[in-house]
PDB file of N, CA and C in Angstrom:
ATOM      1  N   UNK A   1       4.788  14.184  12.617  1.00  0.00           N
ATOM      2  CA  UNK A   1       3.616  13.270  11.937  1.00  0.00           C
ATOM      3  C   UNK A   1       3.648  13.432  10.293  1.00  0.00           C
ATOM      4  N   UNK A   2       3.827  14.357   9.901  1.00  0.00           N
ATOM      5  CA  UNK A   2       3.838  14.697   8.593  1.00  0.00           C
ATOM      6  C   UNK A   2       4.955  13.811   7.719  1.00  0.00           C
ATOM      7  N   UNK A   3       6.093  13.785   8.479  1.00  0.00           N
ATOM      8  CA  UNK A   3       7.243  13.118   7.887  1.00  0.00           C
ATOM      9  C   UNK A   3       6.770  11.631   7.860  1.00  0.00           C
ATOM     10  N   UNK A   4       6.134  11.056   8.825  1.00  0.00           N
ATOM     11  CA  UNK A   4       5.757   9.781   8.978  1.00  0.00           C
ATOM     12  C   UNK A   4       4.753   9.386   7.882  1.00  0.00           C
ATOM     13  N   UNK A   5       3.771  10.390   7.586  1.00  0.00           N
ATOM     14  CA  UNK A   5       2.766  10.040   6.823  1.00  0.00           C
ATOM     15  C   UNK A   5       3.297  10.204   5.349  1.00  0.00           C
ATOM     16  N   UNK A   6       4.338  10.865   5.055  1.00  0.00           N
ATOM     17  CA  UNK A   6       5.077  11.045   3.690  1.00  0.00           C
ATOM     18  C   UNK A   6       5.681   9.535   3.607  1.00  0.00           C
ATOM     19  N   UNK A   7       6.287   8.939   4.703  1.00  0.00           N
ATOM     20  CA  UNK A   7       6.788   7.681   4.659  1.00  0.00           C
ATOM     21  C   UNK A   7       5.716   6.621   4.004  1.00  0.00           C
ATOM     22  N   UNK A   8       4.658   6.670   4.854  1.00  0.00           N
ATOM     23  CA  UNK A   8       3.503   5.847   4.329  1.00  0.00           C
ATOM     24  C   UNK A   8       3.109   5.997   3.011  1.00  0.00           C
ATOM     25  N   UNK A   9       3.088   7.246   2.588  1.00  0.00           N
ATOM     26  CA  UNK A   9       2.711   7.499   1.056  1.00  0.00           C
ATOM     27  C   UNK A   9       3.683   6.959   0.252  1.00  0.00           C
ATOM     28  N   UNK A  10       5.072   6.964   0.594  1.00  0.00           N
ATOM     29  CA  UNK A  10       6.175   6.516  -0.251  1.00  0.00           C
ATOM     30  C   UNK A  10       6.065   5.076  -0.234  1.00  0.00           C
ATOM     31  N   UNK A  11       5.664   4.295   0.788  1.00  0.00           N
ATOM     32  CA  UNK A  11       5.726   2.869   0.961  1.00  0.00           C
ATOM     33  C   UNK A  11       4.494   2.439  -0.123  1.00  0.00           C
ATOM     34  N   UNK A  12       3.390   3.187   0.152  1.00  0.00           N
ATOM     35  CA  UNK A  12       2.228   2.609  -0.797  1.00  0.00           C
ATOM     36  C   UNK A  12       2.693   2.912  -2.288  1.00  0.00           C
ATOM     37  N   UNK A  13       3.312   3.999  -2.695  1.00  0.00           N
ATOM     38  CA  UNK A  13       3.638   4.376  -3.997  1.00  0.00           C
ATOM     39  C   UNK A  13       4.581   3.254  -4.549  1.00  0.00           C
ATOM     40  N   UNK A  14       5.639   2.839  -3.674  1.00  0.00           N
ATOM     41  CA  UNK A  14       6.625   1.763  -4.028  1.00  0.00           C
ATOM     42  C   UNK A  14       5.791   0.285  -4.383  1.00  0.00           C
ATOM     43  N   UNK A  15       4.888   0.123  -3.394  1.00  0.00           N
ATOM     44  CA  UNK A  15       4.210  -1.115  -3.559  1.00  0.00           C
ATOM     45  C   UNK A  15       3.390  -1.192  -4.773  1.00  0.00           C
ATOM     46  N   UNK A  16       2.762  -0.004  -5.028  1.00  0.00           N
ATOM     47  CA  UNK A  16       1.883   0.118  -6.324  1.00  0.00           C
ATOM     48  C   UNK A  16       2.867   0.137  -7.508  1.00  0.00           C
ATOM     49  N   UNK A  17       4.068   0.783  -7.616  1.00  0.00           N
ATOM     50  CA  UNK A  17       4.869   0.721  -8.681  1.00  0.00           C
ATOM     51  C   UNK A  17       5.345  -0.798  -8.799  1.00  0.00           C
ATOM     52  N   UNK A  18       5.708  -1.475  -7.843  1.00  0.00           N
ATOM     53  CA  UNK A  18       6.245  -2.889  -7.989  1.00  0.00           C
ATOM     54  C   UNK A  18       5.234  -3.689  -8.462  1.00  0.00           C
ATOM     55  N   UNK A  19       3.986  -3.691  -7.816  1.00  0.00           N
ATOM     56  CA  UNK A  19       2.934  -4.467  -8.544  1.00  0.00           C
ATOM     57  C   UNK A  19       2.585  -4.284  -9.913  1.00  0.00           C
ATOM     58  N   UNK A  20       2.554  -2.896 -10.330  1.00  0.00           N
ATOM     59  CA  UNK A  20       2.166  -2.543 -11.740  1.00  0.00           C
ATOM     60  C   UNK A  20       3.351  -3.105 -12.643  1.00  0.00           C
ATOM     61  N   UNK A  21       4.576  -3.072 -12.118  1.00  0.00           N
ATOM     62  CA  UNK A  21       5.777  -3.466 -13.083  1.00  0.00           C
ATOM     63  C   UNK A  21       5.649  -4.740 -13.321  1.00  0.00           C
ATOM     64  N   UNK A  22       5.370  -5.706 -12.185  1.00  0.00           N
ATOM     65  CA  UNK A  22       5.472  -7.167 -12.173  1.00  0.00           C
ATOM     66  C   UNK A  22       4.197  -7.564 -13.015  1.00  0.00           C
ATOM     67  N   UNK A  23       3.080  -6.886 -12.944  1.00  0.00           N
ATOM     68  CA  UNK A  23       2.018  -7.113 -13.843  1.00  0.00           C
ATOM     69  C   UNK A  23       2.116  -6.905 -15.229  1.00  0.00           C
ATOM     70  N   UNK A  24       2.648  -5.765 -15.462  1.00  0.00           N
ATOM     71  CA  UNK A  24       3.012  -5.464 -17.021  1.00  0.00           C
ATOM     72  C   UNK A  24       4.086  -6.665 -17.357  1.00  0.00           C
ATOM     73  N   UNK A  25       5.120  -6.782 -16.606  1.00  0.00           N
ATOM     74  CA  UNK A  25       6.114  -7.673 -17.110  1.00  0.00           C
ATOM     75  C   UNK A  25       5.463  -8.971 -17.526  1.00  0.00           C
ATOM     76  N   UNK A  26       4.535  -9.416 -16.608  1.00  0.00           N
ATOM     77  CA  UNK A  26       3.895 -10.717 -16.811  1.00  0.00           C
ATOM     78  C   UNK A  26       3.194 -10.821 -18.044  1.00  0.00           C
ATOM     79  N   UNK A  27       2.367  -9.709 -18.200  1.00  0.00           N
ATOM     80  CA  UNK A  27       1.720  -9.576 -19.448  1.00  0.00           C
ATOM     81  C   UNK A  27       2.595  -9.532 -20.769  1.00  0.00           C
ATOM     82  N   UNK A  28       3.523  -8.907 -20.668  1.00  0.00           N
ATOM     83  CA  UNK A  28       4.435  -8.710 -21.790  1.00  0.00           C
ATOM     84  C   UNK A  28       5.071  -9.957 -22.239  1.00  0.00           C
ATOM     85  N   UNK A  29       5.470 -10.646 -21.115  1.00  0.00           N
ATOM     86  CA  UNK A  29       5.984 -11.965 -21.150  1.00  0.00           C
ATOM     87  C   UNK A  29       5.038 -13.036 -21.904  1.00  0.00           C
ATOM     88  N   UNK A  30       3.854 -12.980 -21.414  1.00  0.00           N
ATOM     89  CA  UNK A  30       2.834 -14.009 -21.977  1.00  0.00           C
ATOM     90  C   UNK A  30       2.703 -13.611 -23.439  1.00  0.00           C
ATOM     91  N   UNK A  31       2.685 -12.316 -23.910  1.00  0.00           N
ATOM     92  CA  UNK A  31       2.494 -11.948 -25.249  1.00  0.00           C
ATOM     93  C   UNK A  31       3.716 -12.459 -26.092  1.00  0.00           C
ATOM     94  N   UNK A  32       4.951 -12.286 -25.534  1.00  0.00           N
ATOM     95  CA  UNK A  32       6.115 -12.744 -26.250  1.00  0.00           C
ATOM     96  C   UNK A  32       6.119 -14.310 -26.398  1.00  0.00           C
ATOM     97  N   UNK A  33       5.593 -15.015 -25.439  1.00  0.00           N
ATOM     98  CA  UNK A  33       5.671 -16.300 -25.365  1.00  0.00           C
ATOM     99  C   UNK A  33       4.482 -16.815 -26.399  1.00  0.00           C
ATOM    100  N   UNK A  34       3.450 -16.192 -26.469  1.00  0.00           N
ATOM    101  CA  UNK A  34       2.529 -16.529 -27.686  1.00  0.00           C
ATOM    102  C   UNK A  34       2.886 -16.254 -28.685  1.00  0.00           C
ATOM    103  N   UNK A  35       3.679 -15.238 -29.211  1.00  0.00           N
ATOM    104  CA  UNK A  35       4.025 -15.011 -30.415  1.00  0.00           C
ATOM    105  C   UNK A  35       5.151 -16.124 -30.949  1.00  0.00           C
ATOM    106  N   UNK A  36       5.926 -16.336 -30.083  1.00  0.00           N
ATOM    107  CA  UNK A  36       7.124 -17.303 -30.250  1.00  0.00           C
ATOM    108  C   UNK A  36       6.439 -18.751 -30.318  1.00  0.00           C
ATOM    109  N   UNK A  37       5.655 -19.258 -29.696  1.00  0.00           N
ATOM    110  CA  UNK A  37       4.855 -20.521 -29.570  1.00  0.00           C
ATOM    111  C   UNK A  37       3.645 -20.841 -30.378  1.00  0.00           C
ATOM    112  N   UNK A  38       3.119 -19.605 -30.665  1.00  0.00           N
ATOM    113  CA  UNK A  38       1.836 -19.601 -31.433  1.00  0.00           C
ATOM    114  C   UNK A  38       0.744 -20.011 -30.407  1.00  0.00           C
ATOM    115  N   UNK A  39       0.721 -20.236 -29.183  1.00  0.00           N
ATOM    116  CA  UNK A  39      -0.177 -20.537 -28.399  1.00  0.00           C
ATOM    117  C   UNK A  39      -0.378 -19.342 -27.323  1.00  0.00           C
ATOM    118  N   UNK A  40      -1.687 -19.112 -27.216  1.00  0.00           N
ATOM    119  CA  UNK A  40      -1.751 -18.167 -26.064  1.00  0.00           C
ATOM    120  C   UNK A  40      -2.464 -18.675 -24.843  1.00  0.00           C
ATOM    121  N   UNK A  41      -2.141 -18.489 -23.924  1.00  0.00           N
ATOM    122  CA  UNK A  41      -2.740 -18.692 -22.716  1.00  0.00           C
ATOM    123  C   UNK A  41      -3.093 -17.796 -21.721  1.00  0.00           C
ATOM    124  N   UNK A  42      -4.387 -17.850 -21.406  1.00  0.00           N
ATOM    125  CA  UNK A  42      -5.121 -16.746 -20.609  1.00  0.00           C
ATOM    126  C   UNK A  42      -4.575 -16.564 -19.216  1.00  0.00           C
ATOM    127  N   UNK A  43      -3.729 -17.704 -18.645  1.00  0.00           N
ATOM    128  CA  UNK A  43      -3.463 -17.697 -17.156  1.00  0.00           C
ATOM    129  C   UNK A  43      -2.450 -16.439 -16.935  1.00  0.00           C
ATOM    130  N   UNK A  44      -1.452 -16.222 -17.816  1.00  0.00           N
ATOM    131  CA  UNK A  44      -0.518 -15.037 -17.503  1.00  0.00           C
ATOM    132  C   UNK A  44      -1.135 -13.601 -17.593  1.00  0.00           C
ATOM    133  N   UNK A  45      -2.245 -13.631 -18.452  1.00  0.00           N
ATOM    134  CA  UNK A  45      -2.872 -12.357 -18.460  1.00  0.00           C
ATOM    135  C   UNK A  45      -3.664 -12.074 -17.313  1.00  0.00           C
ATOM    136  N   UNK A  46      -4.361 -13.265 -16.823  1.00  0.00           N
ATOM    137  CA  UNK A  46      -5.130 -13.106 -15.465  1.00  0.00           C
ATOM    138  C   UNK A  46      -4.283 -12.749 -14.493  1.00  0.00           C
ATOM    139  N   UNK A  47      -3.121 -13.394 -14.313  1.00  0.00           N
ATOM    140  CA  UNK A  47      -2.076 -13.195 -13.297  1.00  0.00           C
ATOM    141  C   UNK A  47      -1.737 -11.761 -13.284  1.00  0.00           C
ATOM    142  N   UNK A  48      -1.202 -11.210 -14.376  1.00  0.00           N
ATOM    143  CA  UNK A  48      -0.767  -9.852 -14.644  1.00  0.00           C
ATOM    144  C   UNK A  48      -1.782  -8.920 -14.243  1.00  0.00           C
ATOM    145  N   UNK A  49      -2.970  -9.188 -14.735  1.00  0.00           N
ATOM    146  CA  UNK A  49      -4.370  -8.107 -14.410  1.00  0.00           C
ATOM    147  C   UNK A  49      -4.480  -8.025 -12.821  1.00  0.00           C
ATOM    148  N   UNK A  50      -4.416  -9.495 -12.322  1.00  0.00           N
ATOM    149  CA  UNK A  50      -4.491  -9.551 -10.817  1.00  0.00           C
ATOM    150  C   UNK A  50      -3.503  -8.755  -9.964  1.00  0.00           C
ATOM    151  N   UNK A  51      -2.127  -8.874 -10.503  1.00  0.00           N
ATOM    152  CA  UNK A  51      -1.133  -8.093  -9.888  1.00  0.00           C
ATOM    153  C   UNK A  51      -1.497  -6.532  -9.884  1.00  0.00           C
ATOM    154  N   UNK A  52      -1.844  -6.099 -11.133  1.00  0.00           N
ATOM    155  CA  UNK A  52      -1.959  -4.784 -11.147  1.00  0.00           C
ATOM    156  C   UNK A  52      -3.284  -4.358 -10.384  1.00  0.00           C
ATOM    157  N   UNK A  53      -4.482  -5.117 -10.140  1.00  0.00           N
ATOM    158  CA  UNK A  53      -5.322  -4.677  -9.310  1.00  0.00           C
ATOM    159  C   UNK A  53      -5.018  -4.861  -7.795  1.00  0.00           C
ATOM    160  N   UNK A  54      -4.215  -5.886  -7.559  1.00  0.00           N
ATOM    161  CA  UNK A  54      -3.654  -6.121  -6.090  1.00  0.00           C
ATOM    162  C   UNK A  54      -2.688  -4.922  -5.663  1.00  0.00           C
ATOM    163  N   UNK A  55      -1.999  -4.104  -6.650  1.00  0.00           N
ATOM    164  CA  UNK A  55      -1.345  -3.001  -6.302  1.00  0.00           C
ATOM    165  C   UNK A  55      -2.241  -1.886  -6.124  1.00  0.00           C
ATOM    166  N   UNK A  56      -3.381  -1.868  -6.872  1.00  0.00           N
ATOM    167  CA  UNK A  56      -4.138  -0.539  -6.484  1.00  0.00           C
ATOM    168  C   UNK A  56      -4.879  -0.740  -5.179  1.00  0.00           C
ATOM    169  N   UNK A  57      -5.238  -1.938  -4.897  1.00  0.00           N
ATOM    170  CA  UNK A  57      -6.084  -2.236  -3.505  1.00  0.00           C
ATOM    171  C   UNK A  57      -4.969  -2.177  -2.558  1.00  0.00           C
ATOM    172  N   UNK A  58      -4.005  -2.751  -2.768  1.00  0.00           N
ATOM    173  CA  UNK A  58      -2.950  -2.754  -1.549  1.00  0.00           C
ATOM    174  C   UNK A  58      -2.367  -1.198  -1.376  1.00  0.00           C
ATOM    175  N   UNK A  59      -2.322  -0.493  -2.223  1.00  0.00           N
ATOM    176  CA  UNK A  59      -1.814   0.980  -1.898  1.00  0.00           C
ATOM    177  C   UNK A  59      -2.797   1.523  -1.142  1.00  0.00           C
ATOM    178  N   UNK A  60      -3.947   1.543  -1.653  1.00  0.00           N
ATOM    179  CA  UNK A  60      -5.087   1.981  -0.892  1.00  0.00           C
ATOM    180  C   UNK A  60      -5.291   1.451   0.584  1.00  0.00           C
ATOM    181  N   UNK A  61      -4.990   0.114   0.769  1.00  0.00           N
ATOM    182  CA  UNK A  61      -5.095  -0.345   2.110  1.00  0.00           C
ATOM    183  C   UNK A  61      -3.831   0.304   2.933  1.00  0.00           C
ATOM    184  N   UNK A  62      -2.949   0.330   2.383  1.00  0.00           N
ATOM    185  CA  UNK A  62      -1.573   0.821   2.990  1.00  0.00           C
ATOM    186  C   UNK A  62      -1.762   2.355   3.542  1.00  0.00           C
ATOM    187  N   UNK A  63      -2.372   3.019   2.676  1.00  0.00           N
ATOM    188  CA  UNK A  63      -2.401   4.442   2.955  1.00  0.00           C
ATOM    189  C   UNK A  63      -3.458   4.707   3.953  1.00  0.00           C
ATOM    190  N   UNK A  64      -4.635   3.817   4.099  1.00  0.00           N
ATOM    191  CA  UNK A  64      -5.598   3.950   5.081  1.00  0.00           C
ATOM    192  C   UNK A  64      -5.181   3.493   6.195  1.00  0.00           C
ATOM    193  N   UNK A  65      -4.592   2.352   6.287  1.00  0.00           N
ATOM    194  CA  UNK A  65      -4.122   1.741   7.469  1.00  0.00           C
ATOM    195  C   UNK A  65      -2.975   2.554   8.287  1.00  0.00           C
ATOM    196  N   UNK A  66      -2.075   3.080   7.383  1.00  0.00           N
ATOM    197  CA  UNK A  66      -1.142   3.833   7.859  1.00  0.00           C
ATOM    198  C   UNK A  66      -1.782   5.251   8.483  1.00  0.00           C
ATOM    199  N   UNK A  67      -2.735   5.804   7.853  1.00  0.00           N
ATOM    200  CA  UNK A  67      -3.481   7.104   8.544  1.00  0.00           C
ATOM    201  C   UNK A  67      -3.932   6.679   9.690  1.00  0.00           C
ATOM    202  N   UNK A  68      -4.723   5.380   9.791  1.00  0.00           N
ATOM    203  CA  UNK A  68      -5.404   5.196  11.136  1.00  0.00           C
ATOM    204  C   UNK A  68      -4.468   5.018  12.010  1.00  0.00           C
ATOM    205  N   UNK A  69      -3.277   4.379  11.790  1.00  0.00           N
ATOM    206  CA  UNK A  69      -2.259   4.169  12.747  1.00  0.00           C
ATOM    207  C   UNK A  69      -1.584   5.319  13.251  1.00  0.00           C
ATOM    208  N   UNK A  70      -1.535   6.381  12.459  1.00  0.00           N
ATOM    209  CA  UNK A  70      -0.825   7.428  12.728  1.00  0.00           C
ATOM    210  C   UNK A  70      -1.717   8.412  13.686  1.00  0.00           C
ATOM    211  N   UNK A  71      -2.998   8.359  13.300  1.00  0.00           N
ATOM    212  CA  UNK A  71      -4.152   9.033  14.028  1.00  0.00           C
ATOM    213  C   UNK A  71      -4.238   8.329  15.543  1.00  0.00           C
ATOM    214  N   UNK A  72      -4.083   7.119  15.590  1.00  0.00           N
ATOM    215  CA  UNK A  72      -4.152   6.325  16.968  1.00  0.00           C
ATOM    216  C   UNK A  72      -2.816   6.691  17.890  1.00  0.00           C
ATOM    217  N   UNK A  73      -1.765   6.967  17.264  1.00  0.00           N
ATOM    218  CA  UNK A  73      -0.485   7.339  17.935  1.00  0.00           C
ATOM    219  C   UNK A  73      -0.920   8.920  18.437  1.00  0.00           C
ATOM    220  N   UNK A  74      -1.366   9.836  17.585  1.00  0.00           N
ATOM    221  CA  UNK A  74      -1.601  11.225  18.097  1.00  0.00           C
ATOM    222  C   UNK A  74      -2.554  11.093  19.107  1.00  0.00           C
ATOM    223  N   UNK A  75      -3.795  10.394  19.057  1.00  0.00           N
ATOM    224  CA  UNK A  75      -4.716  10.301  20.043  1.00  0.00           C
ATOM    225  C   UNK A  75      -4.189   9.857  21.303  1.00  0.00           C
ATOM    226  N   UNK A  76      -3.290   8.840  21.407  1.00  0.00           N
ATOM    227  CA  UNK A  76      -2.638   8.171  22.486  1.00  0.00           C
ATOM    228  C   UNK A  76      -1.719   9.392  23.250  1.00  0.00           C
ATOM    229  N   UNK A  77      -0.982  10.229  22.418  1.00  0.00           N
ATOM    230  CA  UNK A  77      -0.354  11.275  23.086  1.00  0.00           C
ATOM    231  C   UNK A  77      -1.154  12.308  23.645  1.00  0.00           C
ATOM    232  N   UNK A  78      -2.259  12.598  23.010  1.00  0.00           N
ATOM    233  CA  UNK A  78      -3.175  13.685  23.365  1.00  0.00           C
ATOM    234  C   UNK A  78      -3.814  13.313  24.778  1.00  0.00           C
ATOM    235  N   UNK A  79      -4.264  12.002  24.895  1.00  0.00           N
ATOM    236  CA  UNK A  79      -4.773  11.397  26.079  1.00  0.00           C
ATOM    237  C   UNK A  79      -3.683  11.370  27.178  1.00  0.00           C
ATOM    238  N   UNK A  80      -2.467  11.208  26.840  1.00  0.00           N
ATOM    239  CA  UNK A  80      -1.515  11.137  27.952  1.00  0.00           C
ATOM    240  C   UNK A  80      -1.412  12.642  28.395  1.00  0.00           C
ATOM    241  N   UNK A  81      -1.228  13.577  27.576  1.00  0.00           N
ATOM    242  CA  UNK A  81      -1.240  14.976  27.989  1.00  0.00           C
ATOM    243  C   UNK A  81      -2.206  15.364  28.958  1.00  0.00           C
ATOM    244  N   UNK A  82      -3.595  15.062  28.449  1.00  0.00           N
ATOM    245  CA  UNK A  82      -4.601  15.426  29.211  1.00  0.00           C
ATOM    246  C   UNK A  82      -4.687  14.726  30.617  1.00  0.00           C
ATOM    247  N   UNK A  83      -4.287  13.514  30.681  1.00  0.00           N
ATOM    248  CA  UNK A  83      -4.302  12.766  32.077  1.00  0.00           C
ATOM    249  C   UNK A  83      -3.199  13.492  32.806  1.00  0.00           C
ATOM    250  N   UNK A  84      -2.097  13.712  32.369  1.00  0.00           N
ATOM    251  CA  UNK A  84      -1.003  14.542  33.025  1.00  0.00           C
ATOM    252  C   UNK A  84      -1.432  15.893  33.542  1.00  0.00           C
ATOM    253  N   UNK A  85      -2.207  16.625  32.729  1.00  0.00           N
ATOM    254  CA  UNK A  85      -2.850  17.685  33.264  1.00  0.00           C
ATOM    255  C   UNK A  85      -3.630  17.463  34.455  1.00  0.00           C
ATOM    256  N   UNK A  86      -4.648  16.560  34.122  1.00  0.00           N
ATOM    257  CA  UNK A  86      -5.785  16.184  35.234  1.00  0.00           C
ATOM    258  C   UNK A  86      -4.908  15.943  36.626  1.00  0.00           C
ATOM    259  N   UNK A  87      -3.836  15.216  36.522  1.00  0.00           N
ATOM    260  CA  UNK A  87      -3.204  14.655  37.601  1.00  0.00           C
ATOM    261  C   UNK A  87      -2.460  15.767  38.386  1.00  0.00           C
ATOM    262  N   UNK A  88      -1.953  16.846  37.532  1.00  0.00           N
ATOM    263  CA  UNK A  88      -1.414  18.041  38.156  1.00  0.00           C
ATOM    264  C   UNK A  88      -2.186  18.693  38.765  1.00  0.00           C
ATOM    265  N   UNK A  89      -3.542  18.894  38.253  1.00  0.00           N
ATOM    266  CA  UNK A  89      -4.808  19.863  38.966  1.00  0.00           C
ATOM    267  C   UNK A  89      -5.083  19.243  40.264  1.00  0.00           C
ATOM    268  N   UNK A  90      -5.157  17.813  40.411  1.00  0.00           N
ATOM    269  CA  UNK A  90      -5.772  17.319  41.403  1.00  0.00           C
ATOM    270  C   UNK A  90      -4.790  17.188  42.551  1.00  0.00           C
ATOM    271  N   UNK A  91      -3.506  17.421  42.535  1.00  0.00           N
ATOM    272  CA  UNK A  91      -2.506  17.482  43.639  1.00  0.00           C
ATOM    273  C   UNK A  91      -2.697  18.724  44.448  1.00  0.00           C
TER     274      UNK A  91
END
């Protein structure tokens, strides 16, 4: 289970890194465009900030969801083992 949880953490870290990278790239592109054109639009800044926030929230959701899923798998196997023991005792 430890290896699967490490996989979940790596997936969350990858998602976070991708969102942060795209968010910063969007903001840097908006700054460069505003310097070249002389006009600043707030939309790319908002999109960049939203991407960065989505990365944080999404990474937390991935970790929590993965943990819950892995715990459910463990509980399912424990229930199966317990039922097998009960069945063996009743025979």
